[in-house]
Protein backbone atom coordinates (compact mmCIF):
# COMPACT_ATOMS: atom_id res chain seq x y z
CA MET A 1 0.12 0.40 -0.19
CA ALA A 2 1.20 3.64 -0.48
CA ARG A 3 2.68 5.29 2.53
CA PRO A 4 2.20 9.24 3.02
CA SER A 5 6.11 9.16 1.94
CA ASP A 6 5.35 7.37 -1.10
CA LEU A 7 2.49 10.04 -2.27
CA ASP A 8 4.66 12.91 -1.54
CA HIS A 9 7.32 11.41 -4.27
CA ILE A 10 4.43 10.97 -6.78
CA ALA A 11 3.71 14.71 -5.41
CA GLY A 12 7.58 14.97 -7.03
CA LEU A 13 7.21 13.51 -9.92
CA LEU A 14 4.66 15.53 -10.88
CA GLN A 15 6.46 18.01 -10.76
CA ALA A 16 9.88 16.92 -12.20
CA LYS A 17 7.41 15.84 -15.21
CA ALA A 18 6.37 19.31 -15.37
CA SER A 19 9.75 20.64 -15.14
CA ALA A 20 10.89 18.09 -18.01
CA LEU A 21 8.33 19.06 -20.61
CA VAL A 22 8.81 22.98 -20.26
CA ARG A 23 12.74 22.02 -20.69
CA GLN A 24 12.00 19.60 -23.22
CA SER A 25 14.05 17.08 -21.43
CA ARG A 26 13.77 13.97 -23.07
CA ALA A 27 16.25 12.16 -20.28
CA ASP A 28 14.58 13.69 -17.99
CA LEU A 29 10.92 12.57 -18.52
CA GLU A 30 12.37 9.28 -19.78
CA ALA A 31 13.44 8.61 -16.25
CA LEU A 32 9.64 8.59 -15.16
CA LEU A 33 7.92 6.50 -17.62
CA ASP A 34 7.40 3.39 -17.47
CA GLU A 35 8.60 0.63 -20.43
CA GLU A 36 4.84 -0.17 -20.98
CA PHE A 37 3.64 3.70 -20.67
CA THR A 38 0.44 4.63 -22.29
CA TYR A 39 -1.43 8.12 -22.88
CA ILE A 40 -4.07 9.41 -24.01
CA ASN A 41 -4.11 13.23 -25.17
CA ALA A 42 -7.17 15.68 -25.32
CA ARG A 43 -7.11 14.73 -28.59
CA GLY A 44 -8.00 11.35 -28.14
CA GLU A 45 -4.83 10.28 -29.58
CA VAL A 46 -3.57 7.39 -28.59
CA CYS A 47 0.80 7.25 -27.80
CA ASP A 48 3.15 4.29 -26.03
CA ARG A 49 6.48 5.67 -24.58
CA HIS A 50 8.61 6.50 -27.71
CA GLN A 51 5.65 8.38 -29.00
CA TYR A 52 5.15 10.12 -26.38
CA LEU A 53 8.52 11.67 -25.61
CA ASP A 54 8.73 12.31 -29.60
CA ARG A 55 5.81 14.69 -29.46
CA TYR A 56 6.39 16.44 -26.62
CA CYS A 57 10.25 16.33 -25.72
CA SER A 58 11.53 17.15 -29.33
CA GLU A 59 12.40 20.50 -31.96
CA THR A 60 9.25 19.60 -34.21
CA GLY A 61 6.60 18.58 -31.65
CA LEU A 62 4.63 20.75 -29.22
CA ARG A 63 6.68 22.77 -26.89
CA PHE A 64 5.07 23.32 -23.27
CA LEU A 65 5.07 26.80 -22.05
CA LYS A 66 4.03 26.43 -18.16
CA GLN A 67 2.46 23.58 -17.13
CA GLU A 68 1.11 24.13 -13.44
CA THR A 69 -0.70 21.35 -11.97
CA THR A 70 -3.21 20.70 -8.80
CA VAL A 71 -3.62 17.67 -7.75
CA VAL A 72 -7.74 16.92 -7.14
CA ARG A 73 -7.66 13.63 -6.08
CA ILE A 74 -5.29 10.25 -4.97
CA VAL A 75 -6.44 6.72 -5.06
CA PRO A 76 -4.23 4.35 -3.54
CA PHE A 77 -4.85 0.88 -5.40
CA GLU A 78 -2.17 -1.83 -4.89
CA PRO A 79 0.21 -1.85 -6.81
CA VAL A 80 -0.49 1.32 -8.18
CA VAL A 81 -1.84 5.09 -7.36
CA ALA A 82 -4.52 6.69 -9.39
CA VAL A 83 -4.02 10.48 -9.42
CA VAL A 84 -6.39 13.31 -10.56
CA LEU A 85 -5.10 16.15 -11.39
CA ASP A 86 -5.67 19.80 -13.03
CA CYS A 87 -3.60 21.02 -15.01
CA GLU A 88 -3.02 24.92 -16.38
CA GLU A 89 -1.11 24.83 -19.36
CA GLU A 90 0.00 26.93 -22.21
CA PHE A 91 1.77 25.55 -25.75
CA GLU A 92 2.99 26.48 -28.64
CA PHE A 93 3.15 24.25 -32.05
CA GLN A 94 4.02 25.34 -35.21
CA SER A 95 4.58 28.74 -34.03
CA GLU A 96 0.94 29.22 -32.89
CA ARG A 97 0.42 29.41 -28.95
CA SER A 98 -3.02 27.60 -26.90
CA GLY A 99 -3.46 26.69 -23.71
CA GLY A 100 -6.45 25.59 -21.57
CA LEU A 101 -7.54 24.02 -18.39
CA TYR A 102 -7.15 20.01 -18.48
CA ARG A 103 -8.44 17.52 -16.02
CA ALA A 104 -6.20 14.74 -16.06
CA LEU A 105 -5.72 10.95 -14.83
CA TYR A 106 -2.43 9.65 -14.35
CA MET A 107 -1.77 5.96 -13.25
CA PHE A 108 1.93 5.53 -10.88
CA ARG A 109 3.18 1.97 -10.35
CA LYS A 110 6.07 1.14 -7.98
CA GLN A 111 8.89 -1.31 -9.21
CA ALA A 112 11.38 -2.08 -6.52
CA ASP A 113 12.49 1.61 -4.67
CA ARG A 114 11.06 3.82 -7.45
CA TRP A 115 7.14 5.09 -8.86
CA LEU A 116 7.17 5.58 -12.37
CA TRP A 117 4.35 6.97 -14.14
CA CYS A 118 2.47 4.12 -15.96
CA ALA A 119 -0.45 5.29 -17.82
CA GLY A 120 -1.89 8.91 -18.40
CA GLN A 121 -5.24 10.23 -19.99
CA ALA A 122 -6.22 14.13 -20.67
CA THR A 123 -9.35 15.82 -21.15
CA GLU A 124 -10.18 19.78 -21.87
CA ILE A 125 -12.30 21.41 -19.53
CA ARG A 126 -11.59 24.94 -20.49
């Protein structure tokens, strides 16, 4: 079962993920993702770990200018933790700026002594 220290670690992972996206640090983001990572973005596009990294950490992909998260709920399951959060985002794609508020569901799985982001889904709410 997830302990309070685990939940603190997951909160730190959310901050590290946001930082890696804004900095487009593929290595930092890759270190947070489970090998079987799956993500569905707000447009309904499904991507695996490699596709996610290519889409959000490349010179030609979408570039995050800001991502601020607010945790709505954390639900520990064995051996995963579900996190419902709101993401206020600003991003740029092909020289066009956009942004919005997104509600997301992220799943984290503990492997050995660390938590990894294993799945996520987002939808625009504003």
